[in-house]
């Protein structure tokens, strides 16, 4: 639901990757963030950096969410790098193919 509404806390997780597999992985990291917000009854987060920590348990869980957000951002970078590689010419495309025509057949 947060994704559909474009909740501001999702910015901490970066843009979703376009590939299905990486999107699913990204979504699992976002669920970590949503569970944290639900667990600590945080109604209006702008970012996970905001808000007072009320216990060591909450601080530990928030650290896990920070790590999840970092992994989520990495999925997008991985998808972008993969897309760029698929656009790069192969080594055989960089060189002219040899001319195998050695003249007329006799």
PDB file of N, CA and C in Angstrom:
ATOM      1  N   UNK A   1       0.817  -1.188   0.000  1.00  0.00           N
ATOM      2  CA  UNK A   1       0.000   0.000   0.000  1.00  0.00           C
ATOM      3  C   UNK A   1       0.872   1.268   0.000  1.00  0.00           C
ATOM      4  N   UNK A   2       1.973   1.211   0.729  1.00  0.00           N
ATOM      5  CA  UNK A   2       2.880   2.365   0.773  1.00  0.00           C
ATOM      6  C   UNK A   2       3.451   2.657  -0.602  1.00  0.00           C
ATOM      7  N   UNK A   3       3.708   1.598  -1.366  1.00  0.00           N
ATOM      8  CA  UNK A   3       4.254   1.773  -2.713  1.00  0.00           C
ATOM      9  C   UNK A   3       3.221   2.451  -3.605  1.00  0.00           C
ATOM     10  N   UNK A   4       1.979   1.999  -3.515  1.00  0.00           N
ATOM     11  CA  UNK A   4       0.903   2.590  -4.325  1.00  0.00           C
ATOM     12  C   UNK A   4       0.692   4.057  -3.988  1.00  0.00           C
ATOM     13  N   UNK A   5       0.829   4.412  -2.705  1.00  0.00           N
ATOM     14  CA  UNK A   5       0.619   5.794  -2.278  1.00  0.00           C
ATOM     15  C   UNK A   5       1.870   6.647  -2.412  1.00  0.00           C
ATOM     16  N   UNK A   6       3.004   6.009  -2.666  1.00  0.00           N
ATOM     17  CA  UNK A   6       4.241   6.765  -2.785  1.00  0.00           C
ATOM     18  C   UNK A   6       4.680   7.392  -1.475  1.00  0.00           C
ATOM     19  N   UNK A   7       4.551   6.635  -0.377  1.00  0.00           N
ATOM     20  CA  UNK A   7       4.935   7.159   0.938  1.00  0.00           C
ATOM     21  C   UNK A   7       6.382   7.645   0.925  1.00  0.00           C
ATOM     22  N   UNK A   8       6.609   8.738   1.623  1.00  0.00           N
ATOM     23  CA  UNK A   8       7.927   9.376   1.584  1.00  0.00           C
ATOM     24  C   UNK A   8       9.030   8.509   2.177  1.00  0.00           C
ATOM     25  N   UNK A   9       8.728   7.652   3.125  1.00  0.00           N
ATOM     26  CA  UNK A   9       9.770   6.821   3.732  1.00  0.00           C
ATOM     27  C   UNK A   9      10.371   5.832   2.731  1.00  0.00           C
ATOM     28  N   UNK A  10       9.664   5.575   1.646  1.00  0.00           N
ATOM     29  CA  UNK A  10      10.193   4.661   0.626  1.00  0.00           C
ATOM     30  C   UNK A  10      11.422   5.218  -0.080  1.00  0.00           C
ATOM     31  N   UNK A  11      11.614   6.540  -0.008  1.00  0.00           N
ATOM     32  CA  UNK A  11      12.802   7.139  -0.625  1.00  0.00           C
ATOM     33  C   UNK A  11      14.080   6.550  -0.040  1.00  0.00           C
ATOM     34  N   UNK A  12      14.019   6.143   1.229  1.00  0.00           N
ATOM     35  CA  UNK A  12      15.188   5.528   1.861  1.00  0.00           C
ATOM     36  C   UNK A  12      15.582   4.227   1.170  1.00  0.00           C
ATOM     37  N   UNK A  13      14.649   3.618   0.442  1.00  0.00           N
ATOM     38  CA  UNK A  13      14.896   2.335  -0.218  1.00  0.00           C
ATOM     39  C   UNK A  13      15.215   2.494  -1.705  1.00  0.00           C
ATOM     40  N   UNK A  14      15.252   3.711  -2.187  1.00  0.00           N
ATOM     41  CA  UNK A  14      15.571   3.960  -3.587  1.00  0.00           C
ATOM     42  C   UNK A  14      14.417   3.563  -4.504  1.00  0.00           C
ATOM     43  N   UNK A  15      14.632   3.745  -5.781  1.00  0.00           N
ATOM     44  CA  UNK A  15      13.630   3.375  -6.780  1.00  0.00           C
ATOM     45  C   UNK A  15      13.633   1.866  -6.982  1.00  0.00           C
ATOM     46  N   UNK A  16      12.480   1.297  -7.233  1.00  0.00           N
ATOM     47  CA  UNK A  16      12.446  -0.159  -7.454  1.00  0.00           C
ATOM     48  C   UNK A  16      13.128  -0.535  -8.764  1.00  0.00           C
ATOM     49  N   UNK A  17      13.834  -1.663  -8.759  1.00  0.00           N
ATOM     50  CA  UNK A  17      14.444  -2.133 -10.010  1.00  0.00           C
ATOM     51  C   UNK A  17      13.380  -2.639 -10.967  1.00  0.00           C
ATOM     52  N   UNK A  18      13.724  -2.675 -12.241  1.00  0.00           N
ATOM     53  CA  UNK A  18      12.730  -3.049 -13.249  1.00  0.00           C
ATOM     54  C   UNK A  18      12.631  -4.555 -13.477  1.00  0.00           C
ATOM     55  N   UNK A  19      13.651  -5.308 -13.126  1.00  0.00           N
ATOM     56  CA  UNK A  19      13.591  -6.752 -13.355  1.00  0.00           C
ATOM     57  C   UNK A  19      12.775  -7.423 -12.261  1.00  0.00           C
ATOM     58  N   UNK A  20      12.033  -8.449 -12.631  1.00  0.00           N
ATOM     59  CA  UNK A  20      11.126  -9.113 -11.690  1.00  0.00           C
ATOM     60  C   UNK A  20      11.848  -9.670 -10.475  1.00  0.00           C
ATOM     61  N   UNK A  21      12.946 -10.385 -10.708  1.00  0.00           N
ATOM     62  CA  UNK A  21      13.670 -11.006  -9.589  1.00  0.00           C
ATOM     63  C   UNK A  21      14.193  -9.952  -8.615  1.00  0.00           C
ATOM     64  N   UNK A  22      14.842  -8.919  -9.136  1.00  0.00           N
ATOM     65  CA  UNK A  22      15.373  -7.878  -8.264  1.00  0.00           C
ATOM     66  C   UNK A  22      14.262  -7.070  -7.612  1.00  0.00           C
ATOM     67  N   UNK A  23      13.153  -6.903  -8.308  1.00  0.00           N
ATOM     68  CA  UNK A  23      12.014  -6.203  -7.698  1.00  0.00           C
ATOM     69  C   UNK A  23      11.500  -6.988  -6.500  1.00  0.00           C
ATOM     70  N   UNK A  24      11.409  -8.294  -6.640  1.00  0.00           N
ATOM     71  CA  UNK A  24      10.946  -9.130  -5.521  1.00  0.00           C
ATOM     72  C   UNK A  24      11.884  -9.008  -4.330  1.00  0.00           C
ATOM     73  N   UNK A  25      13.191  -8.990  -4.589  1.00  0.00           N
ATOM     74  CA  UNK A  25      14.174  -8.825  -3.516  1.00  0.00           C
ATOM     75  C   UNK A  25      14.042  -7.439  -2.882  1.00  0.00           C
ATOM     76  N   UNK A  26      13.865  -6.426  -3.718  1.00  0.00           N
ATOM     77  CA  UNK A  26      13.679  -5.055  -3.223  1.00  0.00           C
ATOM     78  C   UNK A  26      12.439  -4.982  -2.342  1.00  0.00           C
ATOM     79  N   UNK A  27      11.383  -5.623  -2.781  1.00  0.00           N
ATOM     80  CA  UNK A  27      10.127  -5.602  -2.037  1.00  0.00           C
ATOM     81  C   UNK A  27      10.285  -6.230  -0.653  1.00  0.00           C
ATOM     82  N   UNK A  28      11.065  -7.285  -0.543  1.00  0.00           N
ATOM     83  CA  UNK A  28      11.313  -7.900   0.764  1.00  0.00           C
ATOM     84  C   UNK A  28      12.006  -6.920   1.712  1.00  0.00           C
ATOM     85  N   UNK A  29      12.908  -6.119   1.185  1.00  0.00           N
ATOM     86  CA  UNK A  29      13.571  -5.115   2.016  1.00  0.00           C
ATOM     87  C   UNK A  29      12.584  -4.029   2.445  1.00  0.00           C
ATOM     88  N   UNK A  30      11.694  -3.642   1.550  1.00  0.00           N
ATOM     89  CA  UNK A  30      10.671  -2.651   1.884  1.00  0.00           C
ATOM     90  C   UNK A  30       9.738  -3.194   2.975  1.00  0.00           C
ATOM     91  N   UNK A  31       9.425  -4.470   2.898  1.00  0.00           N
ATOM     92  CA  UNK A  31       8.573  -5.093   3.921  1.00  0.00           C
ATOM     93  C   UNK A  31       9.252  -5.003   5.291  1.00  0.00           C
ATOM     94  N   UNK A  32      10.576  -5.105   5.327  1.00  0.00           N
ATOM     95  CA  UNK A  32      11.308  -4.942   6.585  1.00  0.00           C
ATOM     96  C   UNK A  32      11.036  -3.559   7.172  1.00  0.00           C
ATOM     97  N   UNK A  33      11.075  -2.556   6.314  1.00  0.00           N
ATOM     98  CA  UNK A  33      10.785  -1.193   6.760  1.00  0.00           C
ATOM     99  C   UNK A  33       9.353  -1.036   7.230  1.00  0.00           C
ATOM    100  N   UNK A  34       8.428  -1.616   6.492  1.00  0.00           N
ATOM    101  CA  UNK A  34       7.013  -1.514   6.868  1.00  0.00           C
ATOM    102  C   UNK A  34       6.755  -2.213   8.201  1.00  0.00           C
ATOM    103  N   UNK A  35       7.409  -3.353   8.421  1.00  0.00           N
ATOM    104  CA  UNK A  35       7.235  -4.074   9.686  1.00  0.00           C
ATOM    105  C   UNK A  35       7.757  -3.243  10.860  1.00  0.00           C
ATOM    106  N   UNK A  36       8.870  -2.559  10.641  1.00  0.00           N
ATOM    107  CA  UNK A  36       9.418  -1.686  11.686  1.00  0.00           C
ATOM    108  C   UNK A  36       8.426  -0.579  12.032  1.00  0.00           C
ATOM    109  N   UNK A  37       7.887   0.055  11.020  1.00  0.00           N
ATOM    110  CA  UNK A  37       6.925   1.134  11.253  1.00  0.00           C
ATOM    111  C   UNK A  37       5.699   0.622  11.995  1.00  0.00           C
ATOM    112  N   UNK A  38       5.231  -0.544  11.609  1.00  0.00           N
ATOM    113  CA  UNK A  38       4.066  -1.141  12.265  1.00  0.00           C
ATOM    114  C   UNK A  38       4.390  -1.524  13.709  1.00  0.00           C
ATOM    115  N   UNK A  39       5.538  -2.151  13.907  1.00  0.00           N
ATOM    116  CA  UNK A  39       5.939  -2.622  15.242  1.00  0.00           C
ATOM    117  C   UNK A  39       6.017  -1.489  16.239  1.00  0.00           C
ATOM    118  N   UNK A  40       6.533  -0.345  15.795  1.00  0.00           N
ATOM    119  CA  UNK A  40       6.729   0.778  16.700  1.00  0.00           C
ATOM    120  C   UNK A  40       5.644   1.844  16.550  1.00  0.00           C
ATOM    121  N   UNK A  41       4.572   1.517  15.848  1.00  0.00           N
ATOM    122  CA  UNK A  41       3.410   2.404  15.687  1.00  0.00           C
ATOM    123  C   UNK A  41       3.822   3.808  15.231  1.00  0.00           C
ATOM    124  N   UNK A  42       4.670   3.834  14.207  1.00  0.00           N
ATOM    125  CA  UNK A  42       5.117   5.105  13.640  1.00  0.00           C
ATOM    126  C   UNK A  42       4.173   5.426  12.492  1.00  0.00           C
ATOM    127  N   UNK A  43       3.373   6.475  12.679  1.00  0.00           N
ATOM    128  CA  UNK A  43       2.309   6.791  11.722  1.00  0.00           C
ATOM    129  C   UNK A  43       2.744   7.682  10.569  1.00  0.00           C
ATOM    130  N   UNK A  44       3.616   8.632  10.819  1.00  0.00           N
ATOM    131  CA  UNK A  44       3.959   9.624   9.793  1.00  0.00           C
ATOM    132  C   UNK A  44       5.467   9.750   9.617  1.00  0.00           C
ATOM    133  N   UNK A  45       6.121   8.717   9.171  1.00  0.00           N
ATOM    134  CA  UNK A  45       7.577   8.837   9.002  1.00  0.00           C
ATOM    135  C   UNK A  45       7.925   9.531   7.686  1.00  0.00           C
ATOM    136  N   UNK A  46       8.876  10.436   7.745  1.00  0.00           N
ATOM    137  CA  UNK A  46       9.412  10.996   6.507  1.00  0.00           C
ATOM    138  C   UNK A  46      10.587  10.152   6.062  1.00  0.00           C
ATOM    139  N   UNK A  47      11.325   9.667   7.025  1.00  0.00           N
ATOM    140  CA  UNK A  47      12.496   8.845   6.769  1.00  0.00           C
ATOM    141  C   UNK A  47      12.782   8.047   8.027  1.00  0.00           C
ATOM    142  N   UNK A  48      13.563   7.014   7.902  1.00  0.00           N
ATOM    143  CA  UNK A  48      13.906   6.224   9.076  1.00  0.00           C
ATOM    144  C   UNK A  48      14.928   6.930   9.959  1.00  0.00           C
ATOM    145  N   UNK A  49      15.512   8.003   9.459  1.00  0.00           N
ATOM    146  CA  UNK A  49      16.460   8.762  10.251  1.00  0.00           C
ATOM    147  C   UNK A  49      15.766   9.626  11.287  1.00  0.00           C
ATOM    148  N   UNK A  50      14.506   9.936  11.073  1.00  0.00           N
ATOM    149  CA  UNK A  50      13.750  10.788  11.989  1.00  0.00           C
ATOM    150  C   UNK A  50      13.206   9.973  13.145  1.00  0.00           C
ATOM    151  N   UNK A  51      12.881  10.652  14.199  1.00  0.00           N
ATOM    152  CA  UNK A  51      12.206  10.020  15.320  1.00  0.00           C
ATOM    153  C   UNK A  51      13.156   9.621  16.427  1.00  0.00           C
ATOM    154  N   UNK A  52      12.656   9.722  17.613  1.00  0.00           N
ATOM    155  CA  UNK A  52      13.438   9.376  18.791  1.00  0.00           C
ATOM    156  C   UNK A  52      13.425   7.867  18.996  1.00  0.00           C
ATOM    157  N   UNK A  53      14.513   7.368  19.480  1.00  0.00           N
ATOM    158  CA  UNK A  53      14.628   5.949  19.811  1.00  0.00           C
ATOM    159  C   UNK A  53      14.174   5.793  21.261  1.00  0.00           C
ATOM    160  N   UNK A  54      13.291   4.834  21.517  1.00  0.00           N
ATOM    161  CA  UNK A  54      12.758   4.663  22.866  1.00  0.00           C
ATOM    162  C   UNK A  54      13.387   3.507  23.626  1.00  0.00           C
ATOM    163  N   UNK A  55      14.103   2.632  22.914  1.00  0.00           N
ATOM    164  CA  UNK A  55      14.723   1.492  23.600  1.00  0.00           C
ATOM    165  C   UNK A  55      15.868   0.938  22.762  1.00  0.00           C
ATOM    166  N   UNK A  56      16.682   0.119  23.405  1.00  0.00           N
ATOM    167  CA  UNK A  56      17.762  -0.555  22.678  1.00  0.00           C
ATOM    168  C   UNK A  56      17.202  -1.480  21.613  1.00  0.00           C
ATOM    169  N   UNK A  57      16.079  -2.112  21.903  1.00  0.00           N
ATOM    170  CA  UNK A  57      15.431  -3.009  20.938  1.00  0.00           C
ATOM    171  C   UNK A  57      15.033  -2.240  19.684  1.00  0.00           C
ATOM    172  N   UNK A  58      14.448  -1.072  19.870  1.00  0.00           N
ATOM    173  CA  UNK A  58      14.055  -0.271  18.710  1.00  0.00           C
ATOM    174  C   UNK A  58      15.272   0.180  17.927  1.00  0.00           C
ATOM    175  N   UNK A  59      16.321   0.573  18.624  1.00  0.00           N
ATOM    176  CA  UNK A  59      17.535   1.006  17.928  1.00  0.00           C
ATOM    177  C   UNK A  59      18.130  -0.140  17.108  1.00  0.00           C
ATOM    178  N   UNK A  60      18.129  -1.329  17.667  1.00  0.00           N
ATOM    179  CA  UNK A  60      18.629  -2.504  16.953  1.00  0.00           C
ATOM    180  C   UNK A  60      17.805  -2.789  15.706  1.00  0.00           C
ATOM    181  N   UNK A  61      16.492  -2.697  15.839  1.00  0.00           N
ATOM    182  CA  UNK A  61      15.616  -2.946  14.696  1.00  0.00           C
ATOM    183  C   UNK A  61      15.753  -1.853  13.644  1.00  0.00           C
ATOM    184  N   UNK A  62      15.933  -0.624  14.065  1.00  0.00           N
ATOM    185  CA  UNK A  62      16.102   0.460  13.103  1.00  0.00           C
ATOM    186  C   UNK A  62      17.403   0.281  12.327  1.00  0.00           C
ATOM    187  N   UNK A  63      18.435  -0.213  12.998  1.00  0.00           N
ATOM    188  CA  UNK A  63      19.698  -0.510  12.308  1.00  0.00           C
ATOM    189  C   UNK A  63      19.476  -1.561  11.227  1.00  0.00           C
ATOM    190  N   UNK A  64      18.657  -2.559  11.514  1.00  0.00           N
ATOM    191  CA  UNK A  64      18.331  -3.578  10.505  1.00  0.00           C
ATOM    192  C   UNK A  64      17.616  -2.953   9.313  1.00  0.00           C
ATOM    193  N   UNK A  65      16.754  -1.991   9.589  1.00  0.00           N
ATOM    194  CA  UNK A  65      16.033  -1.319   8.502  1.00  0.00           C
ATOM    195  C   UNK A  65      16.997  -0.491   7.658  1.00  0.00           C
ATOM    196  N   UNK A  66      17.954   0.174   8.288  1.00  0.00           N
ATOM    197  CA  UNK A  66      18.963   0.921   7.523  1.00  0.00           C
ATOM    198  C   UNK A  66      19.703  -0.011   6.577  1.00  0.00           C
ATOM    199  N   UNK A  67      20.084  -1.170   7.078  1.00  0.00           N
ATOM    200  CA  UNK A  67      20.789  -2.145   6.231  1.00  0.00           C
ATOM    201  C   UNK A  67      19.888  -2.640   5.105  1.00  0.00           C
ATOM    202  N   UNK A  68      18.620  -2.865   5.416  1.00  0.00           N
ATOM    203  CA  UNK A  68      17.675  -3.293   4.379  1.00  0.00           C
ATOM    204  C   UNK A  68      17.547  -2.222   3.299  1.00  0.00           C
ATOM    205  N   UNK A  69      17.520  -0.961   3.708  1.00  0.00           N
ATOM    206  CA  UNK A  69      17.419   0.140   2.743  1.00  0.00           C
ATOM    207  C   UNK A  69      18.670   0.197   1.863  1.00  0.00           C
ATOM    208  N   UNK A  70      19.835  -0.035   2.454  1.00  0.00           N
ATOM    209  CA  UNK A  70      21.070  -0.039   1.664  1.00  0.00           C
ATOM    210  C   UNK A  70      21.063  -1.179   0.652  1.00  0.00           C
ATOM    211  N   UNK A  71      20.608  -2.358   1.072  1.00  0.00           N
ATOM    212  CA  UNK A  71      20.529  -3.484   0.131  1.00  0.00           C
ATOM    213  C   UNK A  71      19.538  -3.180  -0.979  1.00  0.00           C
ATOM    214  N   UNK A  72      18.407  -2.564  -0.623  1.00  0.00           N
ATOM    215  CA  UNK A  72      17.379  -2.241  -1.617  1.00  0.00           C
ATOM    216  C   UNK A  72      17.932  -1.289  -2.678  1.00  0.00           C
ATOM    217  N   UNK A  73      18.700  -0.291  -2.254  1.00  0.00           N
ATOM    218  CA  UNK A  73      19.309   0.634  -3.215  1.00  0.00           C
ATOM    219  C   UNK A  73      20.300  -0.088  -4.115  1.00  0.00           C
ATOM    220  N   UNK A  74      20.992  -1.066  -3.564  1.00  0.00           N
ATOM    221  CA  UNK A  74      21.969  -1.832  -4.349  1.00  0.00           C
ATOM    222  C   UNK A  74      21.286  -2.646  -5.445  1.00  0.00           C
ATOM    223  N   UNK A  75      20.063  -3.120  -5.206  1.00  0.00           N
ATOM    224  CA  UNK A  75      19.342  -3.871  -6.240  1.00  0.00           C
ATOM    225  C   UNK A  75      19.114  -3.007  -7.467  1.00  0.00           C
ATOM    226  N   UNK A  76      18.758  -1.765  -7.272  1.00  0.00           N
ATOM    227  CA  UNK A  76      18.535  -0.851  -8.388  1.00  0.00           C
ATOM    228  C   UNK A  76      19.832  -0.621  -9.159  1.00  0.00           C
ATOM    229  N   UNK A  77      20.942  -0.442  -8.426  1.00  0.00           N
ATOM    230  CA  UNK A  77      22.229  -0.239  -9.096  1.00  0.00           C
ATOM    231  C   UNK A  77      22.633  -1.489  -9.866  1.00  0.00           C
ATOM    232  N   UNK A  78      22.339  -2.663  -9.317  1.00  0.00           N
ATOM    233  CA  UNK A  78      22.638  -3.921 -10.007  1.00  0.00           C
ATOM    234  C   UNK A  78      21.833  -4.030 -11.290  1.00  0.00           C
ATOM    235  N   UNK A  79      20.554  -3.688 -11.215  1.00  0.00           N
ATOM    236  CA  UNK A  79      19.696  -3.745 -12.408  1.00  0.00           C
ATOM    237  C   UNK A  79      20.188  -2.767 -13.468  1.00  0.00           C
ATOM    238  N   UNK A  80      20.588  -1.569 -13.047  1.00  0.00           N
ATOM    239  CA  UNK A  80      21.083  -0.574 -14.004  1.00  0.00           C
ATOM    240  C   UNK A  80      22.376  -1.045 -14.658  1.00  0.00           C
ATOM    241  N   UNK A  81      23.274  -1.628 -13.870  1.00  0.00           N
ATOM    242  CA  UNK A  81      24.543  -2.109 -14.415  1.00  0.00           C
ATOM    243  C   UNK A  81      24.313  -3.256 -15.390  1.00  0.00           C
ATOM    244  N   UNK A  82      23.392  -4.138 -15.070  1.00  0.00           N
ATOM    245  CA  UNK A  82      23.074  -5.249 -15.963  1.00  0.00           C
ATOM    246  C   UNK A  82      22.496  -4.741 -17.272  1.00  0.00           C
ATOM    247  N   UNK A  83      21.633  -3.748 -17.191  1.00  0.00           N
ATOM    248  CA  UNK A  83      21.037  -3.176 -18.398  1.00  0.00           C
ATOM    249  C   UNK A  83      22.105  -2.516 -19.263  1.00  0.00           C
ATOM    250  N   UNK A  84      23.061  -1.853 -18.642  1.00  0.00           N
ATOM    251  CA  UNK A  84      24.123  -1.200 -19.411  1.00  0.00           C
ATOM    252  C   UNK A  84      25.003  -2.242 -20.090  1.00  0.00           C
ATOM    253  N   UNK A  85      25.255  -3.362 -19.415  1.00  0.00           N
ATOM    254  CA  UNK A  85      26.068  -4.414 -20.017  1.00  0.00           C
ATOM    255  C   UNK A  85      25.384  -5.013 -21.234  1.00  0.00           C
ATOM    256  N   UNK A  86      24.071  -5.140 -21.179  1.00  0.00           N
ATOM    257  CA  UNK A  86      23.359  -5.733 -22.302  1.00  0.00           C
ATOM    258  C   UNK A  86      23.372  -4.815 -23.523  1.00  0.00           C
ATOM    259  N   UNK A  87      23.646  -3.536 -23.316  1.00  0.00           N
ATOM    260  CA  UNK A  87      23.719  -2.586 -24.427  1.00  0.00           C
ATOM    261  C   UNK A  87      25.127  -2.457 -24.985  1.00  0.00           C
ATOM    262  N   UNK A  88      26.102  -2.968 -24.270  1.00  0.00           N
ATOM    263  CA  UNK A  88      27.495  -2.849 -24.718  1.00  0.00           C
ATOM    264  C   UNK A  88      27.745  -3.812 -25.866  1.00  0.00           C
ATOM    265  N   UNK A  89      28.518  -3.377 -26.859  1.00  0.00           N
ATOM    266  CA  UNK A  89      28.813  -4.275 -27.983  1.00  0.00           C
ATOM    267  C   UNK A  89      29.720  -5.415 -27.530  1.00  0.00           C
ATOM    268  N   UNK A  90      29.554  -6.548 -28.139  1.00  0.00           N
ATOM    269  CA  UNK A  90      30.431  -7.676 -27.826  1.00  0.00           C
ATOM    270  C   UNK A  90      31.771  -7.457 -28.511  1.00  0.00           C
ATOM    271  N   UNK A  91      32.751  -8.209 -28.116  1.00  0.00           N
ATOM    272  CA  UNK A  91      34.086  -8.066 -28.682  1.00  0.00           C
ATOM    273  C   UNK A  91      34.092  -8.350 -30.184  1.00  0.00           C
ATOM    274  N   UNK A  92      33.242  -9.259 -30.624  1.00  0.00           N
ATOM    275  CA  UNK A  92      33.192  -9.570 -32.053  1.00  0.00           C
ATOM    276  C   UNK A  92      32.573  -8.434 -32.851  1.00  0.00           C
ATOM    277  N   UNK A  93      31.737  -7.627 -32.221  1.00  0.00           N
ATOM    278  CA  UNK A  93      31.134  -6.497 -32.924  1.00  0.00           C
ATOM    279  C   UNK A  93      32.097  -5.323 -33.061  1.00  0.00           C
ATOM    280  N   UNK A  94      33.146  -5.318 -32.253  1.00  0.00           N
ATOM    281  CA  UNK A  94      34.094  -4.219 -32.299  1.00  0.00           C
ATOM    282  C   UNK A  94      35.068  -4.320 -33.460  1.00  0.00           C
ATOM    283  N   UNK A  95      35.225  -5.505 -34.010  1.00  0.00           N
ATOM    284  CA  UNK A  95      36.155  -5.727 -35.106  1.00  0.00           C
ATOM    285  C   UNK A  95      35.401  -6.137 -36.355  1.00  0.00           C
ATOM    286  N   UNK A  96      35.978  -5.778 -37.483  1.00  0.00           N
ATOM    287  CA  UNK A  96      35.385  -6.175 -38.754  1.00  0.00           C
ATOM    288  C   UNK A  96      35.540  -7.672 -38.941  1.00  0.00           C
ATOM    289  N   UNK A  97      34.511  -8.287 -39.430  1.00  0.00           N
ATOM    290  CA  UNK A  97      34.604  -9.713 -39.705  1.00  0.00           C
ATOM    291  C   UNK A  97      35.562  -9.926 -40.873  1.00  0.00           C
ATOM    292  N   UNK A  98      36.388 -10.966 -40.800  1.00  0.00           N
ATOM    293  CA  UNK A  98      37.324 -11.199 -41.913  1.00  0.00           C
ATOM    294  C   UNK A  98      36.559 -11.525 -43.192  1.00  0.00           C
ATOM    295  N   UNK A  99      37.120 -11.105 -44.287  1.00  0.00           N
ATOM    296  CA  UNK A  99      36.543 -11.393 -45.593  1.00  0.00           C
ATOM    297  C   UNK A  99      37.013 -12.789 -46.009  1.00  0.00           C
ATOM    298  N   UNK A 100      36.116 -13.721 -46.019  1.00  0.00           N
ATOM    299  CA  UNK A 100      36.467 -15.099 -46.354  1.00  0.00           C
ATOM    300  C   UNK A 100      36.413 -15.345 -47.855  1.00  0.00           C
ATOM    301  N   UNK A 101      36.016 -14.379 -48.618  1.00  0.00           N
ATOM    302  CA  UNK A 101      35.947 -14.527 -50.072  1.00  0.00           C
ATOM    303  C   UNK A 101      37.350 -14.358 -50.634  1.00  0.00           C
ATOM    304  N   UNK A 102      37.923 -15.457 -51.098  1.00  0.00           N
ATOM    305  CA  UNK A 102      39.303 -15.407 -51.618  1.00  0.00           C
ATOM    306  C   UNK A 102      39.339 -15.300 -53.143  1.00  0.00           C
ATOM    307  N   UNK A 103      38.258 -14.958 -53.716  1.00  0.00           N
ATOM    308  CA  UNK A 103      38.228 -14.781 -55.161  1.00  0.00           C
ATOM    309  C   UNK A 103      37.168 -15.663 -55.782  1.00  0.00           C
ATOM    310  N   UNK A 104      37.111 -15.647 -57.110  1.00  0.00           N
ATOM    311  CA  UNK A 104      36.069 -16.417 -57.779  1.00  0.00           C
ATOM    312  C   UNK A 104      36.347 -17.920 -57.686  1.00  0.00           C
ATOM    313  N   UNK A 105      35.278 -18.688 -57.602  1.00  0.00           N
ATOM    314  CA  UNK A 105      35.405 -20.145 -57.639  1.00  0.00           C
ATOM    315  C   UNK A 105      35.716 -20.577 -59.054  1.00  0.00           C
ATOM    316  N   UNK A 106      36.638 -21.475 -59.233  1.00  0.00           N
ATOM    317  CA  UNK A 106      37.007 -21.973 -60.560  1.00  0.00           C
ATOM    318  C   UNK A 106      36.562 -23.352 -60.797  1.00  0.00           C
TER     319      UNK A 106
END
